[in-house]
N, C-alpha and C. Protein backbone atom coordinates (compact mmCIF):
# COMPACT_ATOMS: atom_id res chain seq x y z
N MET A 1 29.94 13.72 41.95
CA MET A 1 29.74 14.90 41.20
C MET A 1 30.27 15.41 39.59
N ILE A 2 31.29 15.45 39.55
CA ILE A 2 32.05 15.73 38.56
C ILE A 2 31.70 14.76 37.17
N ARG A 3 31.36 13.43 37.74
CA ARG A 3 31.12 12.47 37.00
C ARG A 3 29.74 12.55 36.48
N ALA A 4 28.78 12.63 37.14
CA ALA A 4 27.43 13.23 36.82
C ALA A 4 27.00 14.14 36.19
N TRP A 5 27.96 15.07 36.41
CA TRP A 5 27.91 16.29 35.43
C TRP A 5 28.02 15.96 33.89
N ARG A 6 29.58 15.04 33.87
CA ARG A 6 29.47 14.82 32.74
C ARG A 6 28.73 13.71 31.71
N ILE A 7 28.19 12.94 32.18
CA ILE A 7 26.83 12.06 31.99
C ILE A 7 26.22 13.09 31.69
N PHE A 8 25.67 14.06 32.27
CA PHE A 8 24.41 14.87 31.74
C PHE A 8 24.64 15.92 30.90
N LYS A 9 25.64 16.10 30.71
CA LYS A 9 26.07 16.77 29.54
C LYS A 9 26.35 16.21 28.03
N ARG A 10 26.84 14.98 28.47
CA ARG A 10 27.14 14.13 27.05
C ARG A 10 25.71 13.74 27.03
N ALA A 11 24.62 13.36 27.82
CA ALA A 11 23.09 13.43 27.37
C ALA A 11 22.65 14.19 26.99
N PHE A 12 23.07 15.47 27.38
CA PHE A 12 22.28 16.55 26.39
C PHE A 12 22.61 16.89 24.97
N ILE A 13 24.10 16.95 24.89
CA ILE A 13 24.86 16.87 23.48
C ILE A 13 24.18 16.08 22.60
N TYR A 14 23.73 14.74 23.14
CA TYR A 14 23.37 13.61 22.44
C TYR A 14 21.82 13.81 21.92
N LEU A 15 21.28 14.40 22.63
CA LEU A 15 19.53 14.72 22.80
C LEU A 15 19.42 15.93 21.78
N PHE A 16 20.28 16.76 22.12
CA PHE A 16 20.39 18.11 20.60
C PHE A 16 20.53 17.56 19.54
N ILE A 17 21.73 16.74 19.45
CA ILE A 17 21.93 16.34 18.26
C ILE A 17 20.57 15.56 17.80
N PHE A 18 20.29 14.68 18.44
CA PHE A 18 18.92 13.79 17.55
C PHE A 18 17.95 14.74 17.65
N GLN A 19 17.55 15.79 18.35
CA GLN A 19 16.12 16.47 18.06
C GLN A 19 16.44 17.62 16.77
N PHE A 20 17.45 17.81 16.38
CA PHE A 20 18.25 18.47 15.56
C PHE A 20 18.20 17.74 13.88
N LEU A 21 18.42 16.63 13.94
CA LEU A 21 18.46 15.49 13.32
C LEU A 21 17.03 15.01 12.73
N TYR A 22 15.72 15.27 14.08
CA TYR A 22 14.85 14.99 13.61
C TYR A 22 14.10 15.90 12.60
N ILE A 23 14.24 17.01 13.57
CA ILE A 23 13.79 18.02 12.66
C ILE A 23 14.30 18.26 11.23
N ILE A 24 15.02 17.76 10.78
CA ILE A 24 15.78 17.84 9.51
C ILE A 24 15.05 16.79 8.60
N VAL A 25 15.19 15.57 9.29
CA VAL A 25 14.24 14.35 8.56
C VAL A 25 12.98 14.89 8.33
N LEU A 26 12.16 15.50 9.21
CA LEU A 26 10.80 15.68 9.11
C LEU A 26 10.58 16.77 7.94
N ARG A 27 11.75 17.37 7.44
CA ARG A 27 11.46 18.50 6.15
C ARG A 27 11.07 17.65 5.48
N TRP A 28 11.39 16.14 5.31
CA TRP A 28 11.06 15.31 3.67
C TRP A 28 9.90 13.98 4.21
N VAL A 29 10.36 13.82 5.69
CA VAL A 29 9.14 12.55 6.20
C VAL A 29 8.24 12.93 7.05
N ASP A 30 6.66 12.20 6.75
CA ASP A 30 6.35 12.77 7.89
C ASP A 30 6.31 12.04 9.36
N PRO A 31 5.73 12.67 10.40
CA PRO A 31 6.12 12.26 11.87
C PRO A 31 5.27 10.83 11.75
N PRO A 32 6.31 9.99 12.37
CA PRO A 32 5.76 8.48 12.92
C PRO A 32 4.51 8.46 13.96
N PHE A 33 4.73 9.51 15.02
CA PHE A 33 3.63 10.06 15.48
C PHE A 33 3.89 10.74 16.26
N THR A 34 2.60 11.43 16.89
CA THR A 34 2.86 12.37 17.84
C THR A 34 2.28 12.17 19.35
N ILE A 35 2.95 13.14 20.41
CA ILE A 35 2.14 12.55 21.98
C ILE A 35 0.75 12.91 21.83
N THR A 36 0.53 13.84 20.88
CA THR A 36 -1.07 13.97 20.94
C THR A 36 -1.76 13.07 20.46
N GLN A 37 -1.25 12.55 19.51
CA GLN A 37 -1.97 11.18 18.84
C GLN A 37 -2.07 9.97 19.84
N LEU A 38 -0.64 9.72 20.64
CA LEU A 38 -0.54 8.61 21.49
C LEU A 38 -1.60 8.94 22.59
N VAL A 39 -1.57 10.02 22.96
CA VAL A 39 -2.58 9.86 24.25
C VAL A 39 -4.03 10.07 23.77
N SER A 40 -4.59 10.40 22.58
CA SER A 40 -5.92 10.37 22.29
C SER A 40 -5.83 8.68 22.18
N TRP A 41 -5.08 7.80 21.45
CA TRP A 41 -5.10 6.42 21.68
C TRP A 41 -5.45 5.76 23.12
N VAL A 42 -4.44 6.44 24.09
CA VAL A 42 -4.62 5.63 25.22
C VAL A 42 -5.37 5.97 26.28
N THR A 43 -6.21 6.85 26.18
CA THR A 43 -7.39 7.60 26.93
C THR A 43 -8.55 7.15 26.22
N GLY A 44 -8.46 6.30 25.11
CA GLY A 44 -9.92 5.84 24.57
C GLY A 44 -10.68 6.79 23.37
N HIS A 45 -10.04 7.94 22.96
CA HIS A 45 -10.64 8.68 21.87
C HIS A 45 -10.40 8.06 20.61
N GLY A 46 -9.30 7.23 20.57
CA GLY A 46 -9.39 6.40 19.16
C GLY A 46 -8.00 7.29 18.48
N LEU A 47 -7.78 6.51 17.12
CA LEU A 47 -7.01 7.40 16.80
C LEU A 47 -6.86 7.20 15.03
N LYS A 48 -7.39 7.88 14.42
CA LYS A 48 -7.86 8.04 13.21
C LYS A 48 -7.09 8.84 12.17
N ARG A 49 -5.66 8.57 11.01
CA ARG A 49 -5.24 9.13 10.91
C ARG A 49 -4.65 8.62 9.41
N ASP A 50 -4.48 9.47 8.53
CA ASP A 50 -4.14 9.35 7.14
C ASP A 50 -3.07 10.25 6.42
N TYR A 51 -1.64 9.91 6.64
CA TYR A 51 -1.32 11.14 6.11
C TYR A 51 -0.96 11.16 4.71
N VAL A 52 -1.35 12.55 4.14
CA VAL A 52 -1.09 12.26 2.55
C VAL A 52 -0.14 13.78 2.32
N ASP A 53 0.17 13.56 0.84
CA ASP A 53 1.25 14.63 0.35
C ASP A 53 0.52 15.65 -0.07
N ARG A 54 1.35 17.21 0.29
CA ARG A 54 0.52 18.18 -0.33
C ARG A 54 -0.62 18.14 -1.62
N SER A 55 0.21 17.84 -2.33
CA SER A 55 -0.57 17.80 -3.77
C SER A 55 -1.92 16.88 -3.53
N ASP A 56 -2.05 15.96 -2.67
CA ASP A 56 -3.72 15.25 -2.76
C ASP A 56 -4.27 15.95 -1.66
N ILE A 57 -3.85 16.95 -1.18
CA ILE A 57 -5.04 17.67 -0.15
C ILE A 57 -5.62 19.22 -1.36
N SER A 58 -6.93 19.85 -0.66
CA SER A 58 -7.45 20.35 -1.73
C SER A 58 -6.47 21.77 -1.39
N PRO A 59 -6.71 22.65 -1.91
CA PRO A 59 -6.05 24.29 -1.98
C PRO A 59 -7.08 24.88 -0.75
N TYR A 60 -8.37 24.31 -0.90
CA TYR A 60 -9.21 24.92 0.03
C TYR A 60 -8.87 24.85 1.55
N ALA A 61 -8.51 23.65 1.87
CA ALA A 61 -8.00 23.13 3.09
C ALA A 61 -6.89 24.10 3.63
N GLY A 62 -5.87 24.27 2.82
CA GLY A 62 -4.79 25.21 3.50
C GLY A 62 -5.46 26.68 3.54
N LEU A 63 -6.42 27.14 2.56
CA LEU A 63 -6.84 28.38 2.53
C LEU A 63 -7.86 28.80 3.82
N ALA A 64 -8.51 27.60 3.89
CA ALA A 64 -9.42 27.80 4.93
C ALA A 64 -8.66 27.65 6.84
N VAL A 65 -7.77 26.74 6.77
CA VAL A 65 -7.09 26.96 8.02
C VAL A 65 -6.09 28.24 8.15
N ILE A 66 -5.49 28.68 7.30
CA ILE A 66 -5.17 30.23 7.25
C ILE A 66 -5.87 31.51 7.81
N SER A 67 -7.23 31.19 6.82
CA SER A 67 -8.08 32.04 7.11
C SER A 67 -8.71 31.91 8.68
N SER A 68 -8.75 31.10 9.12
CA SER A 68 -9.37 30.79 10.56
C SER A 68 -8.42 30.86 11.40
N GLU A 69 -7.12 30.37 11.30
CA GLU A 69 -6.48 30.60 12.63
C GLU A 69 -5.18 31.71 12.04
N ASP A 70 -4.66 31.60 11.29
CA ASP A 70 -3.25 32.22 11.06
C ASP A 70 -3.41 33.14 9.95
N GLN A 71 -4.02 34.42 9.81
CA GLN A 71 -4.17 35.03 8.21
C GLN A 71 -2.58 35.78 7.62
N LEU A 72 -1.89 36.05 8.81
CA LEU A 72 -0.79 36.22 8.20
C LEU A 72 0.53 35.29 8.23
N PHE A 73 -0.26 33.82 8.00
CA PHE A 73 0.94 32.90 7.76
C PHE A 73 2.07 32.96 7.12
N PRO A 74 1.59 33.36 5.61
CA PRO A 74 2.75 33.38 4.86
C PRO A 74 3.96 34.67 5.06
N ASP A 75 3.70 35.87 5.81
CA ASP A 75 4.31 36.83 5.88
C ASP A 75 5.18 36.93 7.15
N HIS A 76 4.74 36.28 8.21
CA HIS A 76 5.37 36.17 9.75
C HIS A 76 6.47 35.09 9.52
N SER A 77 7.49 35.19 10.54
CA SER A 77 8.45 34.52 10.60
C SER A 77 8.56 33.14 11.79
N GLY A 78 7.19 32.93 12.00
CA GLY A 78 6.69 32.48 13.44
C GLY A 78 5.60 32.37 14.27
N PHE A 79 6.11 34.07 14.68
CA PHE A 79 5.04 34.50 15.76
C PHE A 79 4.42 35.68 15.11
N ASP A 80 3.68 36.12 15.83
CA ASP A 80 2.29 36.91 15.12
C ASP A 80 2.48 37.77 16.60
N TRP A 81 3.38 38.77 16.67
CA TRP A 81 3.49 39.47 17.97
C TRP A 81 2.57 40.55 17.98
N LYS A 82 1.66 40.92 16.92
CA LYS A 82 0.84 41.92 17.67
C LYS A 82 -0.27 41.21 18.08
N SER A 83 -0.90 39.95 17.70
CA SER A 83 -1.74 38.98 18.54
C SER A 83 -1.50 38.83 19.52
N ILE A 84 -0.27 38.56 19.59
CA ILE A 84 0.52 38.19 21.23
C ILE A 84 0.05 39.02 22.10
N GLU A 85 0.42 40.19 21.62
CA GLU A 85 0.19 41.49 22.48
C GLU A 85 -1.20 41.57 23.05
N LYS A 86 -1.91 41.41 22.01
CA LYS A 86 -3.53 41.79 22.22
C LYS A 86 -4.14 40.42 23.19
N ALA A 87 -3.76 39.44 23.22
CA ALA A 87 -4.00 38.03 23.82
C ALA A 87 -3.45 38.62 25.16
N MET A 88 -2.31 38.85 25.09
CA MET A 88 -1.44 39.02 26.72
C MET A 88 -2.39 40.35 27.41
N ALA A 89 -2.86 41.24 26.95
CA ALA A 89 -3.63 42.12 27.32
C ALA A 89 -4.84 41.97 27.78
N TYR A 90 -5.60 40.92 26.80
CA TYR A 90 -7.15 40.19 27.38
C TYR A 90 -7.21 39.33 28.50
N ASN A 91 -5.75 38.68 28.40
CA ASN A 91 -5.40 37.70 29.36
C ASN A 91 -5.62 38.60 30.80
N LYS A 92 -4.90 39.58 30.84
CA LYS A 92 -4.86 40.32 32.22
C LYS A 92 -5.75 41.13 32.49
N ARG A 93 -6.74 41.48 31.68
CA ARG A 93 -7.95 42.07 31.75
C ARG A 93 -8.95 41.25 32.43
N LYS A 94 -8.56 40.04 31.81
CA LYS A 94 -9.85 38.80 32.44
C LYS A 94 -9.21 37.81 33.08
N PRO A 95 -8.65 37.69 34.12
CA PRO A 95 -7.87 36.60 34.47
C PRO A 95 -8.43 35.22 34.50
N GLY A 96 -10.08 35.38 34.53
CA GLY A 96 -10.72 33.94 34.40
C GLY A 96 -10.71 33.26 33.06
N ARG A 97 -10.17 33.93 31.98
CA ARG A 97 -10.28 33.61 30.60
C ARG A 97 -9.37 33.52 29.99
N THR A 98 -8.65 32.68 29.20
CA THR A 98 -7.33 32.65 28.50
C THR A 98 -8.17 33.24 26.58
N ARG A 99 -7.15 33.52 26.20
CA ARG A 99 -6.95 33.56 24.56
C ARG A 99 -6.00 33.72 24.05
N GLY A 100 -5.57 32.84 23.41
CA GLY A 100 -4.69 31.90 22.64
C GLY A 100 -4.09 32.98 21.48
N ALA A 101 -2.63 32.86 21.26
CA ALA A 101 -2.23 33.72 19.82
C ALA A 101 -1.52 32.82 19.00
N SER A 102 -1.45 31.52 18.97
CA SER A 102 -0.32 30.76 18.34
C SER A 102 -0.60 30.55 16.61
N THR A 103 0.42 31.01 15.97
CA THR A 103 0.25 30.83 14.90
C THR A 103 0.19 28.83 14.26
N ILE A 104 0.36 28.99 13.21
CA ILE A 104 0.14 27.60 12.56
C ILE A 104 1.34 27.33 13.02
N SER A 105 2.59 28.09 12.41
CA SER A 105 3.72 27.23 12.90
C SER A 105 4.12 27.01 14.45
N GLN A 106 3.49 27.62 15.30
CA GLN A 106 3.55 27.21 16.77
C GLN A 106 2.76 25.68 16.96
N GLN A 107 1.50 25.67 16.40
CA GLN A 107 0.87 24.90 16.77
C GLN A 107 1.32 23.47 15.96
N VAL A 108 2.13 23.28 15.11
CA VAL A 108 2.74 22.40 14.33
C VAL A 108 4.00 22.14 15.44
N ALA A 109 5.06 23.28 16.05
CA ALA A 109 6.22 22.99 16.72
C ALA A 109 5.55 22.17 18.05
N LYS A 110 4.16 22.61 18.70
CA LYS A 110 3.78 22.20 19.81
C LYS A 110 3.08 20.40 19.39
N ASN A 111 2.25 20.30 18.23
CA ASN A 111 1.96 18.81 18.06
C ASN A 111 2.73 18.23 17.62
N VAL A 112 3.76 18.44 16.60
CA VAL A 112 5.02 17.56 16.44
C VAL A 112 5.68 17.18 17.49
N PHE A 113 6.35 18.15 18.26
CA PHE A 113 7.46 17.71 18.97
C PHE A 113 7.16 17.45 20.51
N LEU A 114 6.30 18.51 20.86
CA LEU A 114 5.65 18.62 22.07
C LEU A 114 4.24 17.89 22.93
N TRP A 115 3.76 18.73 23.54
CA TRP A 115 2.58 17.81 24.17
C TRP A 115 1.61 19.09 24.57
N GLN A 116 0.22 18.66 24.70
CA GLN A 116 -0.72 19.95 24.90
C GLN A 116 -0.61 20.46 26.47
N HIS A 117 -1.13 21.27 26.52
CA HIS A 117 -0.87 22.08 27.90
C HIS A 117 0.17 22.56 28.17
N GLY A 118 0.28 22.36 29.41
CA GLY A 118 2.10 22.72 30.03
C GLY A 118 1.88 24.14 30.27
N GLY A 119 3.22 24.32 31.13
CA GLY A 119 3.25 25.84 31.71
C GLY A 119 4.23 26.74 30.93
N TRP A 120 5.33 27.26 31.35
CA TRP A 120 6.49 27.97 31.08
C TRP A 120 7.12 27.20 30.12
N PHE A 121 7.52 26.07 30.58
CA PHE A 121 8.50 25.35 30.31
C PHE A 121 8.47 24.95 28.84
N ARG A 122 6.70 24.39 28.40
CA ARG A 122 6.75 23.94 27.58
C ARG A 122 6.35 25.21 26.47
N LYS A 123 6.17 26.61 26.94
CA LYS A 123 6.04 27.48 25.83
C LYS A 123 7.33 27.56 25.81
N GLY A 124 8.66 27.71 26.18
CA GLY A 124 10.08 28.11 26.15
C GLY A 124 10.32 26.75 24.95
N LEU A 125 9.94 25.54 24.94
CA LEU A 125 10.56 24.67 24.10
C LEU A 125 9.57 24.99 22.29
N GLU A 126 8.36 25.52 23.02
CA GLU A 126 7.76 25.68 21.40
C GLU A 126 8.25 26.81 20.62
N VAL A 127 8.65 27.71 21.44
CA VAL A 127 9.46 28.82 20.65
C VAL A 127 10.63 28.04 20.14
N TYR A 128 11.22 27.53 20.53
CA TYR A 128 12.37 27.13 20.08
C TYR A 128 12.38 26.05 18.95
N PHE A 129 11.20 25.31 18.71
CA PHE A 129 10.86 24.41 17.93
C PHE A 129 10.41 25.20 16.37
N THR A 130 9.39 25.99 17.14
CA THR A 130 8.98 27.12 16.17
C THR A 130 9.93 27.86 15.10
N PHE A 131 11.16 28.03 15.93
CA PHE A 131 12.11 28.94 15.38
C PHE A 131 12.54 27.81 14.59
N MET A 132 12.76 26.77 15.04
CA MET A 132 13.82 25.61 14.06
C MET A 132 12.97 25.33 12.61
N ILE A 133 11.80 25.03 12.91
CA ILE A 133 10.96 24.34 11.54
C ILE A 133 11.14 25.86 10.58
N GLU A 134 10.92 26.98 10.89
CA GLU A 134 10.84 28.11 10.42
C GLU A 134 12.28 28.14 9.28
N LEU A 135 13.21 27.78 10.26
CA LEU A 135 14.63 27.95 9.57
C LEU A 135 14.66 26.95 8.79
N LEU A 136 14.61 25.44 9.15
CA LEU A 136 14.65 24.41 8.49
C LEU A 136 14.09 24.19 6.99
N TRP A 137 12.52 24.39 7.24
CA TRP A 137 11.58 23.80 6.49
C TRP A 137 10.91 25.24 5.52
N ASN A 138 9.95 24.94 4.98
CA ASN A 138 9.27 26.41 4.36
C ASN A 138 7.96 26.18 4.26
N LYS A 139 7.22 27.29 4.12
CA LYS A 139 5.96 27.45 4.70
C LYS A 139 5.01 26.50 4.08
N GLN A 140 5.21 25.81 2.69
CA GLN A 140 4.33 24.85 2.30
C GLN A 140 4.39 23.68 3.16
N ARG A 141 5.81 23.28 3.41
CA ARG A 141 6.01 21.85 4.30
C ARG A 141 5.40 22.19 5.81
N ILE A 142 5.41 23.27 6.73
CA ILE A 142 4.67 23.62 7.73
C ILE A 142 3.26 23.55 7.41
N LEU A 143 2.42 23.97 6.63
CA LEU A 143 1.06 23.90 6.21
C LEU A 143 0.83 22.80 6.35
N GLU A 144 1.45 21.70 5.25
CA GLU A 144 1.18 20.39 4.81
C GLU A 144 1.41 19.29 6.03
N VAL A 145 2.40 19.85 7.00
CA VAL A 145 2.19 18.79 8.17
C VAL A 145 1.55 19.26 9.20
N TYR A 146 1.12 20.53 9.25
CA TYR A 146 -0.32 21.10 9.88
C TYR A 146 -1.37 20.50 9.79
N LEU A 147 -1.84 20.46 8.45
CA LEU A 147 -3.09 19.93 7.45
C LEU A 147 -2.78 18.29 7.93
N ASN A 148 -1.98 17.68 8.47
CA ASN A 148 -1.90 16.10 8.64
C ASN A 148 -2.10 15.89 9.89
N VAL A 149 -1.23 16.78 10.79
CA VAL A 149 -1.65 15.79 12.34
C VAL A 149 -2.40 17.01 13.28
N ILE A 150 -2.74 17.97 12.35
CA ILE A 150 -3.93 18.49 13.75
C ILE A 150 -4.92 17.59 13.86
N GLU A 151 -5.44 17.80 15.50
CA GLU A 151 -6.76 16.72 15.47
C GLU A 151 -8.06 17.66 15.07
N MET A 152 -8.58 16.97 13.89
CA MET A 152 -9.96 17.85 13.83
C MET A 152 -11.31 17.58 13.77
N GLY A 153 -11.25 16.41 14.96
CA GLY A 153 -12.60 15.68 15.24
C GLY A 153 -12.31 14.94 16.38
N ASP A 154 -12.74 14.15 17.11
CA ASP A 154 -12.63 13.37 18.52
C ASP A 154 -11.51 12.13 18.12
N GLY A 155 -10.71 12.05 17.96
CA GLY A 155 -9.83 11.46 17.84
C GLY A 155 -9.52 11.32 16.26
N VAL A 156 -9.60 11.96 15.71
CA VAL A 156 -9.89 12.09 14.07
C VAL A 156 -8.51 13.27 13.68
N PHE A 157 -7.28 12.73 13.11
CA PHE A 157 -6.35 13.51 12.94
C PHE A 157 -5.75 13.99 11.40
N GLY A 158 -5.88 15.14 11.30
CA GLY A 158 -5.06 15.48 9.60
C GLY A 158 -6.63 15.20 9.03
N VAL A 159 -6.33 15.94 7.94
CA VAL A 159 -7.52 16.74 6.75
C VAL A 159 -8.29 15.33 5.92
N GLU A 160 -7.00 14.79 5.69
CA GLU A 160 -7.49 13.29 4.83
C GLU A 160 -8.42 12.41 5.89
N ALA A 161 -8.39 12.25 6.83
CA ALA A 161 -8.97 11.25 7.70
C ALA A 161 -10.33 12.08 8.22
N ALA A 162 -10.02 13.36 8.28
CA ALA A 162 -11.59 14.20 8.61
C ALA A 162 -12.55 14.14 7.46
N SER A 163 -11.85 14.26 6.22
CA SER A 163 -12.38 14.35 5.04
C SER A 163 -13.38 13.26 4.68
N GLN A 164 -12.52 11.78 5.10
CA GLN A 164 -13.59 10.72 4.79
C GLN A 164 -14.19 10.61 5.91
N LYS A 165 -14.06 11.01 7.27
CA LYS A 165 -14.93 10.80 7.81
C LYS A 165 -15.98 11.46 7.72
N PHE A 166 -16.38 12.78 7.43
CA PHE A 166 -17.37 13.88 7.41
C PHE A 166 -18.13 13.72 5.95
N PHE A 167 -17.19 13.67 5.49
CA PHE A 167 -17.77 13.75 3.76
C PHE A 167 -17.52 12.65 2.63
N SER A 168 -17.08 11.57 3.24
CA SER A 168 -16.98 10.12 2.89
C SER A 168 -16.00 10.53 1.17
N HIS A 169 -15.10 11.55 1.06
CA HIS A 169 -13.99 11.36 0.22
C HIS A 169 -13.18 11.95 0.50
N SER A 170 -12.14 11.89 -0.53
CA SER A 170 -10.53 12.45 -0.09
C SER A 170 -10.12 13.44 0.37
N ALA A 171 -9.25 14.28 0.77
CA ALA A 171 -9.03 15.68 1.07
C ALA A 171 -8.57 16.34 -0.45
N ARG A 172 -8.37 15.41 -1.00
CA ARG A 172 -8.42 16.44 -2.57
C ARG A 172 -9.51 16.79 -3.27
N THR A 173 -10.24 16.22 -2.72
CA THR A 173 -11.72 17.29 -3.43
C THR A 173 -12.88 17.89 -2.56
N LEU A 174 -12.21 18.41 -1.56
CA LEU A 174 -12.76 18.99 -0.43
C LEU A 174 -13.22 20.53 -1.10
N ASN A 175 -14.35 20.74 -1.06
CA ASN A 175 -15.02 22.00 -1.51
C ASN A 175 -14.85 23.17 -0.66
N ARG A 176 -15.27 24.54 -0.59
CA ARG A 176 -14.65 25.68 -0.17
C ARG A 176 -15.20 25.50 1.35
N GLN A 177 -16.81 24.93 1.15
CA GLN A 177 -17.59 24.64 2.37
C GLN A 177 -17.35 23.74 3.02
N GLU A 178 -16.59 22.56 2.69
CA GLU A 178 -16.50 21.51 3.74
C GLU A 178 -15.18 22.24 4.48
N ALA A 179 -14.21 22.31 3.46
CA ALA A 179 -13.02 22.74 4.02
C ALA A 179 -12.84 24.03 5.07
N ALA A 180 -13.99 24.75 5.15
CA ALA A 180 -14.55 26.00 6.18
C ALA A 180 -15.20 24.89 7.15
N LEU A 181 -15.89 24.60 7.21
CA LEU A 181 -16.43 23.83 8.36
C LEU A 181 -15.89 22.49 9.05
N ILE A 182 -14.19 22.33 8.61
CA ILE A 182 -13.66 21.54 9.25
C ILE A 182 -12.50 22.56 10.08
N ALA A 183 -12.37 23.52 9.32
CA ALA A 183 -11.09 24.47 10.22
C ALA A 183 -12.32 25.34 10.99
N ALA A 184 -13.59 25.68 11.04
CA ALA A 184 -14.42 25.88 12.22
C ALA A 184 -14.48 25.33 13.42
N CYS A 185 -13.87 23.87 13.48
CA CYS A 185 -14.16 23.20 14.51
C CYS A 185 -12.72 23.22 14.94
N LEU A 186 -11.67 23.51 14.85
CA LEU A 186 -10.28 23.02 15.00
C LEU A 186 -10.22 24.01 16.75
N PRO A 187 -10.89 25.33 16.83
CA PRO A 187 -10.44 25.36 18.44
C PRO A 187 -10.68 25.03 19.32
N ASN A 188 -11.46 23.64 19.13
CA ASN A 188 -11.85 22.65 20.22
C ASN A 188 -12.75 21.44 19.76
N PRO A 189 -11.80 20.54 18.56
CA PRO A 189 -12.20 19.66 17.98
C PRO A 189 -12.81 18.39 18.64
N LYS A 190 -12.56 18.53 19.79
CA LYS A 190 -13.69 16.97 20.65
C LYS A 190 -14.58 17.62 21.04
N ARG A 191 -15.25 18.81 20.89
CA ARG A 191 -16.29 19.29 21.26
C ARG A 191 -17.60 19.80 20.11
N LEU A 192 -16.44 20.79 19.03
CA LEU A 192 -17.14 20.95 17.84
C LEU A 192 -17.07 20.31 17.09
N ILE A 193 -18.18 19.77 16.10
CA ILE A 193 -18.49 18.49 15.53
C ILE A 193 -18.65 19.46 13.81
N VAL A 194 -18.09 18.46 13.34
CA VAL A 194 -18.07 19.04 12.10
C VAL A 194 -19.65 18.70 10.96
N LYS A 195 -20.08 17.38 11.38
CA LYS A 195 -21.26 16.83 10.74
C LYS A 195 -22.13 15.92 11.92
N PRO A 196 -23.10 15.99 12.33
CA PRO A 196 -23.79 17.54 12.09
C PRO A 196 -23.29 18.41 12.62
N ALA A 197 -23.10 19.91 11.76
CA ALA A 197 -22.95 20.78 12.14
C ALA A 197 -23.86 21.81 13.21
N SER A 198 -23.49 22.35 14.47
CA SER A 198 -24.14 23.25 15.23
C SER A 198 -24.53 24.90 14.54
N GLY A 199 -25.29 25.33 15.09
CA GLY A 199 -25.87 26.81 14.57
C GLY A 199 -24.10 27.52 14.55
N TYR A 200 -23.52 27.37 15.86
CA TYR A 200 -22.06 27.97 16.45
C TYR A 200 -21.40 27.31 14.75
N VAL A 201 -21.23 26.41 14.92
CA VAL A 201 -20.01 26.10 13.86
C VAL A 201 -20.40 26.48 12.09
N MET A 202 -21.82 26.15 12.08
CA MET A 202 -22.10 26.85 10.51
C MET A 202 -21.77 28.28 10.92
N GLY A 203 -22.21 29.41 11.85
CA GLY A 203 -22.06 30.54 11.62
C GLY A 203 -20.44 31.13 11.75
N ARG A 204 -19.90 30.18 12.00
CA ARG A 204 -18.00 30.00 12.26
C ARG A 204 -17.52 29.99 10.90
N SER A 205 -18.31 29.00 10.46
CA SER A 205 -17.85 28.22 8.90
C SER A 205 -18.21 29.20 8.09
N ASN A 206 -19.30 30.15 7.72
CA ASN A 206 -19.75 31.27 6.93
C ASN A 206 -18.96 32.32 7.39
N PHE A 207 -18.19 32.43 8.55
CA PHE A 207 -17.38 33.61 8.32
C PHE A 207 -15.83 33.38 7.99
N ILE A 208 -15.51 32.30 8.26
CA ILE A 208 -14.33 31.72 7.79
C ILE A 208 -14.56 32.09 5.76
N MET A 209 -15.63 31.20 5.44
CA MET A 209 -15.53 31.33 3.46
C MET A 209 -15.43 32.87 3.30
N ARG A 210 -15.95 33.84 4.18
CA ARG A 210 -15.90 35.37 4.05
C ARG A 210 -14.52 35.46 3.72
N GLN A 211 -13.83 35.27 4.95
CA GLN A 211 -12.52 35.74 5.17
C GLN A 211 -11.30 34.70 3.82
N MET A 212 -12.20 33.39 3.47
CA MET A 212 -11.36 32.90 2.35
C MET A 212 -11.29 33.81 1.08
N SER A 213 -12.55 34.17 0.82
CA SER A 213 -12.76 35.12 -0.29
C SER A 213 -12.11 36.34 -0.03
N PHE A 214 -11.88 36.80 1.14
CA PHE A 214 -11.06 38.36 0.99
C PHE A 214 -9.31 37.59 0.80
N LEU A 215 -8.83 36.70 1.03
CA LEU A 215 -7.38 36.21 1.22
C LEU A 215 -6.84 35.20 -0.18
N GLU A 216 -7.93 35.01 -0.97
CA GLU A 216 -7.78 34.38 -1.70
C GLU A 216 -6.77 34.90 -3.00
N PRO A 217 -7.11 35.92 -3.55
CA PRO A 217 -6.53 36.69 -4.60
C PRO A 217 -5.13 37.26 -4.19
N ASP A 218 -4.70 36.91 -2.80
CA ASP A 218 -3.07 37.23 -2.13
C ASP A 218 -2.21 36.38 -2.89
N PRO A 219 -1.35 36.75 -4.03
CA PRO A 219 -0.42 35.86 -4.24
C PRO A 219 0.65 35.15 -3.07
N ASP A 220 0.84 35.39 -2.48
CA ASP A 220 1.73 34.68 -1.14
C ASP A 220 0.51 33.60 -0.49
N ILE A 221 -0.78 33.60 -0.17
CA ILE A 221 -1.66 32.74 -0.26
C ILE A 221 -1.97 31.72 -1.11
N GLN A 222 -2.06 32.29 -2.44
CA GLN A 222 -1.96 31.31 -3.49
C GLN A 222 -0.74 30.31 -3.53
N ARG A 223 0.16 30.90 -3.46
CA ARG A 223 1.92 30.26 -3.39
C ARG A 223 1.70 29.26 -2.28
N VAL A 224 1.25 29.49 -1.14
CA VAL A 224 1.79 28.43 0.24
C VAL A 224 0.39 27.74 0.38
N THR A 225 -0.70 27.77 -0.51
CA THR A 225 -1.71 26.95 0.06
C THR A 225 -1.94 25.77 -1.50
N GLY A 226 -1.28 26.21 -2.18
CA GLY A 226 -1.46 25.59 -3.66
C GLY A 226 -2.24 26.08 -4.57
N LEU A 227 -3.05 27.31 -4.20
CA LEU A 227 -4.09 27.80 -5.35
C LEU A 227 -3.21 28.32 -6.57
N SER A 228 -2.52 28.39 -6.89
CA SER A 228 -1.79 28.93 -8.18
C SER A 228 -1.55 27.85 -8.74
N ARG A 229 -1.45 26.60 -8.24
CA ARG A 229 -1.35 25.51 -9.08
C ARG A 229 -2.77 25.44 -10.38
N GLY A 230 -3.74 25.86 -9.86
CA GLY A 230 -4.79 25.72 -10.52
C GLY A 230 -5.12 26.85 -11.68
N LYS A 231 -4.23 27.94 -11.48
CA LYS A 231 -4.17 29.04 -12.30
C LYS A 231 -3.32 29.33 -13.60
């Protein structure tokens, strides 16, 4: 029993050191794969991806996903507590439905280090990895990784692959409307299609574009998305 405990403790220490070093390495190096990507490939949904540097992504892509997914992204430390409280209250009132409140940082933690779905154990790990990337990375890197690893179509991962598939050009030249259309499908990229866009996707993209116009003048938004580079 004592020997088994020593083996377990040693394995835990090695695992902790490995994951800590992996988080640090990913501050500069793109993740070689994610569990979500592997599952998509194994289950026949395909795997289209092409990681690109932040400088090769249109600033409108970052602005669109912030407008759609996490408008407080430049200001919070990984968690939007007010949105979490609202989501918990909503889920309590309507048990048959589920409203999420994940920030961009939480989605990066889940998609890079963990797996989709899961219970409280997965959520606990998500909190840990969110805290660590907020501590060891910066907001620009978190957004860059998000735009490279998130599923943006059925088996399509990252904004470069999505831009090539749906608009036949690189992510560097995405305009406001194209970026908003991609962001509009993020809640359910296997079901919502960028092109041809349904009425729902068009309506949601128009809403996102209005939010983009509202957020764009914010200096913190400009700094994180790279919009300030063109000013």
